């Protein structure tokens, strides 16, 4: 790729697989402004512009809002190689998830009766749900905080956090099976553990905000399935426990 090559906005949109409207928006907010203009004020992008667009796409894939991406890229201490290295690590993680999912499907096709409940969901990616969450709450301080923390976590720590969450679900299920009502001291203690889990690892969460968040567990079928897969009726049980904990 020669340094003196210039691309029109439509060409860049095709090459980078983004819309022309997206490029115009990036130009308007100062995130990516074409370095050159042709006669008639046509936008023309150079090699450096395309490299910056690549970085923008990488950071968007990592979940950063556009405002933070601009701050990062305009930072004189920005390390491009480190950014590429981190993105490569993320792709390797996704490859591992895909490999695990393929193995899960193979075992199911072979009729493997030794598969546990956890095995059935090994390899399933949470990316789609996270993207939707970003669309819903991307401008909120809580979402930005959670994404900033997420970038600092190693693969091992992320796995430990997920394991802690899964253990919480099992503990809730055991509590329910033991006959403790959602307003019992045992259930409220678990609800508080769940709140502190989010507060510690993702973003500050008050008891009142936890109640609002918990409503998703029964209002959104995808969230509800996460709990119902562990135990039937668990989603409503957890919501009621969280509500009781906030009222205590």
Protein backbone atom coordinates (compact mmCIF):
# COMPACT_ATOMS: atom_id res chain seq x y z
CA UNK A 1 0.00 0.00 0.00
CA UNK A 2 1.67 3.20 -1.18
CA UNK A 3 1.60 6.28 1.00
CA UNK A 4 0.43 8.49 -1.88
CA UNK A 5 -2.70 6.47 -2.65
CA UNK A 6 -5.98 8.25 -1.98
CA UNK A 7 -9.41 6.73 -1.51
CA UNK A 8 -12.84 8.32 -1.85
CA UNK A 9 -15.36 7.91 0.94
CA UNK A 10 -17.33 5.26 -0.94
CA UNK A 11 -14.17 3.23 -1.55
CA UNK A 12 -13.20 3.41 2.10
CA UNK A 13 -16.70 2.33 3.13
CA UNK A 14 -16.42 -0.71 0.88
CA UNK A 15 -12.88 -1.62 1.96
CA UNK A 16 -13.52 -1.17 5.69
CA UNK A 17 -17.06 -2.62 5.54
CA UNK A 18 -18.70 0.37 7.14
CA UNK A 19 -21.39 2.70 5.86
CA UNK A 20 -20.72 6.05 4.23
CA UNK A 21 -22.96 7.55 6.89
CA UNK A 22 -20.66 6.14 9.56
CA UNK A 23 -17.62 7.76 7.95
CA UNK A 24 -19.45 11.09 7.70
CA UNK A 25 -20.34 10.81 11.40
CA UNK A 26 -16.73 10.09 12.34
CA UNK A 27 -15.71 13.16 10.36
CA UNK A 28 -18.33 15.35 12.06
CA UNK A 29 -17.26 14.39 15.59
CA UNK A 30 -13.56 14.69 14.80
CA UNK A 31 -12.82 10.99 15.23
CA UNK A 32 -11.66 10.39 11.66
CA UNK A 33 -11.23 13.35 9.35
CA UNK A 34 -9.95 12.74 5.81
CA UNK A 35 -6.43 14.08 5.40
CA UNK A 36 -7.04 15.29 1.88
CA UNK A 37 -9.62 17.08 -0.20
CA UNK A 38 -9.98 16.93 -3.97
CA UNK A 39 -11.49 19.52 -6.25
CA UNK A 40 -15.09 20.05 -5.32
CA UNK A 41 -14.27 19.37 -1.67
CA UNK A 42 -14.49 15.60 -2.07
CA UNK A 43 -13.15 13.73 0.94
CA UNK A 44 -10.02 11.71 0.24
CA UNK A 45 -8.47 9.30 2.72
CA UNK A 46 -4.80 8.39 2.90
CA UNK A 47 -3.00 5.36 4.30
CA UNK A 48 -2.73 6.91 7.78
CA UNK A 49 -6.49 7.52 7.74
CA UNK A 50 -7.18 3.87 6.95
CA UNK A 51 -4.86 2.75 9.72
CA UNK A 52 -6.70 5.02 12.15
CA UNK A 53 -10.02 3.61 10.95
CA UNK A 54 -8.70 0.12 11.60
CA UNK A 55 -7.86 1.14 15.17
CA UNK A 56 -11.33 2.60 15.59
CA UNK A 57 -12.88 -0.67 14.49
CA UNK A 58 -10.64 -2.65 16.80
CA UNK A 59 -11.65 -0.55 19.79
CA UNK A 60 -15.31 -0.69 18.81
CA UNK A 61 -15.00 -4.48 18.83
CA UNK A 62 -13.59 -4.17 22.35
CA UNK A 63 -16.71 -2.25 23.38
CA UNK A 64 -15.30 1.25 23.87
CA UNK A 65 -17.58 4.26 23.20
CA UNK A 66 -16.53 6.62 20.41
CA UNK A 67 -15.62 9.41 22.84
CA UNK A 68 -13.13 7.14 24.62
CA UNK A 69 -11.73 5.85 21.34
CA UNK A 70 -11.01 9.40 20.22
CA UNK A 71 -9.30 10.17 23.53
CA UNK A 72 -7.18 7.03 23.24
CA UNK A 73 -6.13 7.57 19.64
CA UNK A 74 -5.30 11.23 20.22
CA UNK A 75 -3.17 10.39 23.24
CA UNK A 76 0.49 11.03 22.33
CA UNK A 77 1.45 7.98 24.39
CA UNK A 78 -0.90 5.70 22.43
CA UNK A 79 0.82 2.37 21.73
CA UNK A 80 -0.48 0.97 18.44
CA UNK A 81 1.41 -2.31 18.75
CA UNK A 82 0.02 -2.93 22.22
CA UNK A 83 -3.51 -2.27 20.92
CA UNK A 84 -2.99 -4.82 18.16
CA UNK A 85 -1.56 -7.31 20.63
CA UNK A 86 -4.59 -7.02 22.92
CA UNK A 87 -6.98 -7.41 20.00
CA UNK A 88 -5.09 -10.50 18.86
CA UNK A 89 -5.46 -11.97 22.35
CA UNK A 90 -9.20 -11.33 22.18
CA UNK A 91 -9.44 -13.11 18.84
CA UNK A 92 -7.58 -16.09 20.28
CA UNK A 93 -10.08 -16.17 23.14
CA UNK A 94 -12.97 -16.18 20.66
CA UNK A 95 -11.26 -18.99 18.74
CA UNK A 96 -11.06 -21.00 21.97
CA UNK A 97 -14.77 -20.41 22.55
CA UNK A 98 -15.57 -21.57 19.02
CA UNK A 99 -13.46 -24.71 19.46
CA UNK A 100 -15.27 -25.53 22.71
CA UNK A 101 -18.67 -25.02 21.06
CA UNK A 102 -17.71 -27.36 18.19
CA UNK A 103 -16.71 -30.02 20.72
CA UNK A 104 -20.02 -29.51 22.53
CA UNK A 105 -21.98 -30.02 19.31
CA UNK A 106 -19.91 -33.10 18.43
CA UNK A 107 -20.68 -34.66 21.82
CA UNK A 108 -24.39 -33.91 21.37
CA UNK A 109 -24.45 -35.46 17.89
CA UNK A 110 -22.74 -38.55 19.29
CA UNK A 111 -25.41 -38.81 21.99
CA UNK A 112 -22.91 -38.42 24.84
CA UNK A 113 -25.00 -39.14 27.94
CA UNK A 114 -22.17 -38.14 30.29
CA UNK A 115 -22.66 -34.44 29.48
CA UNK A 116 -23.53 -32.32 32.50
CA UNK A 117 -25.87 -29.31 32.42
CA UNK A 118 -22.81 -27.05 32.30
CA UNK A 119 -21.37 -29.05 29.38
CA UNK A 120 -24.44 -28.28 27.27
CA UNK A 121 -23.58 -24.59 27.27
CA UNK A 122 -19.80 -24.81 27.04
CA UNK A 123 -18.55 -22.50 24.31
CA UNK A 124 -21.63 -20.32 23.98
CA UNK A 125 -20.62 -16.72 23.41
CA UNK A 126 -22.10 -13.81 25.36
CA UNK A 127 -21.03 -11.27 22.71
CA UNK A 128 -24.50 -10.74 21.24
CA UNK A 129 -26.04 -10.00 24.62
CA UNK A 130 -23.16 -7.69 25.50
CA UNK A 131 -23.55 -5.77 22.24
CA UNK A 132 -27.24 -5.25 22.95
CA UNK A 133 -26.43 -4.11 26.47
CA UNK A 134 -24.02 -1.61 24.97
CA UNK A 135 -26.74 -0.28 22.70
CA UNK A 136 -29.12 0.05 25.63
CA UNK A 137 -26.77 1.50 28.23
CA UNK A 138 -23.65 2.52 26.30
CA UNK A 139 -23.93 6.14 27.41
CA UNK A 140 -24.38 5.36 31.09
CA UNK A 141 -21.49 5.75 33.57
CA UNK A 142 -22.08 2.19 34.82
CA UNK A 143 -21.61 0.72 31.35
CA UNK A 144 -18.48 2.75 30.68
CA UNK A 145 -17.02 1.71 34.03
CA UNK A 146 -17.74 -1.97 33.37
CA UNK A 147 -16.07 -1.81 29.95
CA UNK A 148 -13.01 -0.04 31.36
CA UNK A 149 -12.63 -2.68 34.06
CA UNK A 150 -13.17 -5.47 31.56
CA UNK A 151 -10.22 -4.31 29.47
CA UNK A 152 -7.92 -4.63 32.48
CA UNK A 153 -8.94 -8.20 33.30
CA UNK A 154 -6.84 -11.13 32.12
CA UNK A 155 -8.44 -14.18 30.55
CA UNK A 156 -7.81 -16.11 33.76
CA UNK A 157 -9.44 -13.46 35.97
CA UNK A 158 -12.41 -13.16 33.63
CA UNK A 159 -12.88 -16.91 33.90
CA UNK A 160 -12.71 -16.73 37.69
CA UNK A 161 -15.34 -13.96 37.74
CA UNK A 162 -17.63 -16.04 35.55
CA UNK A 163 -17.11 -19.07 37.78
CA UNK A 164 -18.01 -16.95 40.81
CA UNK A 165 -21.23 -15.88 39.09
CA UNK A 166 -22.12 -19.46 38.17
CA UNK A 167 -21.54 -20.54 41.77
CA UNK A 168 -23.93 -17.81 42.89
CA UNK A 169 -26.62 -19.24 40.63
CA UNK A 170 -26.09 -22.72 42.04
CA UNK A 171 -26.22 -21.36 45.59
CA UNK A 172 -29.50 -19.59 44.81
CA UNK A 173 -30.89 -22.83 43.39
CA UNK A 174 -29.80 -24.78 46.49
CA UNK A 175 -31.34 -22.15 48.75
CA UNK A 176 -34.63 -22.37 46.88
CA UNK A 177 -34.57 -26.17 46.89
CA UNK A 178 -33.96 -26.13 50.65
CA UNK A 179 -37.29 -24.35 51.10
CA UNK A 180 -35.95 -20.94 52.10
CA UNK A 181 -38.29 -18.23 50.86
CA UNK A 182 -36.93 -15.34 48.77
CA UNK A 183 -37.42 -13.02 51.75
CA UNK A 184 -35.51 -15.32 54.13
CA UNK A 185 -32.21 -14.30 55.67
CA UNK A 186 -30.44 -16.95 53.58
CA UNK A 187 -31.86 -15.70 50.29
CA UNK A 188 -31.25 -12.05 51.15
CA UNK A 189 -27.65 -12.85 52.00
CA UNK A 190 -27.22 -14.43 48.56
CA UNK A 191 -28.84 -11.39 46.94
CA UNK A 192 -26.35 -9.17 48.70
CA UNK A 193 -23.50 -11.40 47.51
CA UNK A 194 -24.82 -11.05 43.96
CA UNK A 195 -24.96 -7.26 44.29
CA UNK A 196 -21.43 -7.07 45.68
CA UNK A 197 -20.20 -9.35 42.90
CA UNK A 198 -21.34 -6.80 40.31
CA UNK A 199 -20.21 -3.88 42.46
CA UNK A 200 -16.72 -5.31 42.88
CA UNK A 201 -16.03 -6.53 39.37
CA UNK A 202 -18.13 -4.40 37.03
CA UNK A 203 -19.62 -1.14 38.31
CA UNK A 204 -20.96 0.50 41.50
CA UNK A 205 -24.41 -0.93 42.20
CA UNK A 206 -26.79 0.25 44.90
CA UNK A 207 -29.50 -2.00 46.29
CA UNK A 208 -32.15 0.08 44.53
CA UNK A 209 -30.34 -0.17 41.18
CA UNK A 210 -29.94 -3.90 41.75
CA UNK A 211 -33.73 -4.24 41.93
CA UNK A 212 -34.10 -2.46 38.58
CA UNK A 213 -31.42 -4.64 37.02
CA UNK A 214 -33.03 -7.80 38.37
CA UNK A 215 -36.26 -7.07 36.53
CA UNK A 216 -34.46 -8.11 33.34
CA UNK A 217 -34.22 -11.63 34.75
CA UNK A 218 -37.96 -12.09 34.26
CA UNK A 219 -38.76 -9.49 31.58
CA UNK A 220 -36.19 -10.60 29.00
CA UNK A 221 -36.52 -14.29 27.94
CA UNK A 222 -32.79 -14.55 27.24
CA UNK A 223 -31.82 -13.40 30.72
CA UNK A 224 -34.57 -15.54 32.21
CA UNK A 225 -33.23 -18.62 30.41
CA UNK A 226 -29.86 -18.18 32.12
CA UNK A 227 -31.56 -18.73 35.48
CA UNK A 228 -34.22 -21.21 34.40
CA UNK A 229 -31.55 -23.47 32.92
CA UNK A 230 -30.15 -23.89 36.43
CA UNK A 231 -33.51 -24.43 38.13
CA UNK A 232 -37.12 -23.86 37.16
CA UNK A 233 -38.52 -20.76 38.85
CA UNK A 234 -35.07 -19.46 39.77
CA UNK A 235 -35.39 -16.18 37.86
CA UNK A 236 -38.43 -15.05 39.84
CA UNK A 237 -36.88 -16.33 43.07
CA UNK A 238 -33.73 -14.24 42.54
CA UNK A 239 -35.74 -11.13 41.64
CA UNK A 240 -37.84 -11.48 44.79
CA UNK A 241 -34.71 -12.06 46.89
CA UNK A 242 -33.03 -8.97 45.45
CA UNK A 243 -36.20 -6.94 46.14
CA UNK A 244 -36.36 -8.25 49.72
CA UNK A 245 -32.69 -7.43 50.26
CA UNK A 246 -33.24 -3.85 49.14
CA UNK A 247 -36.21 -3.46 51.47
CA UNK A 248 -34.41 -4.92 54.50
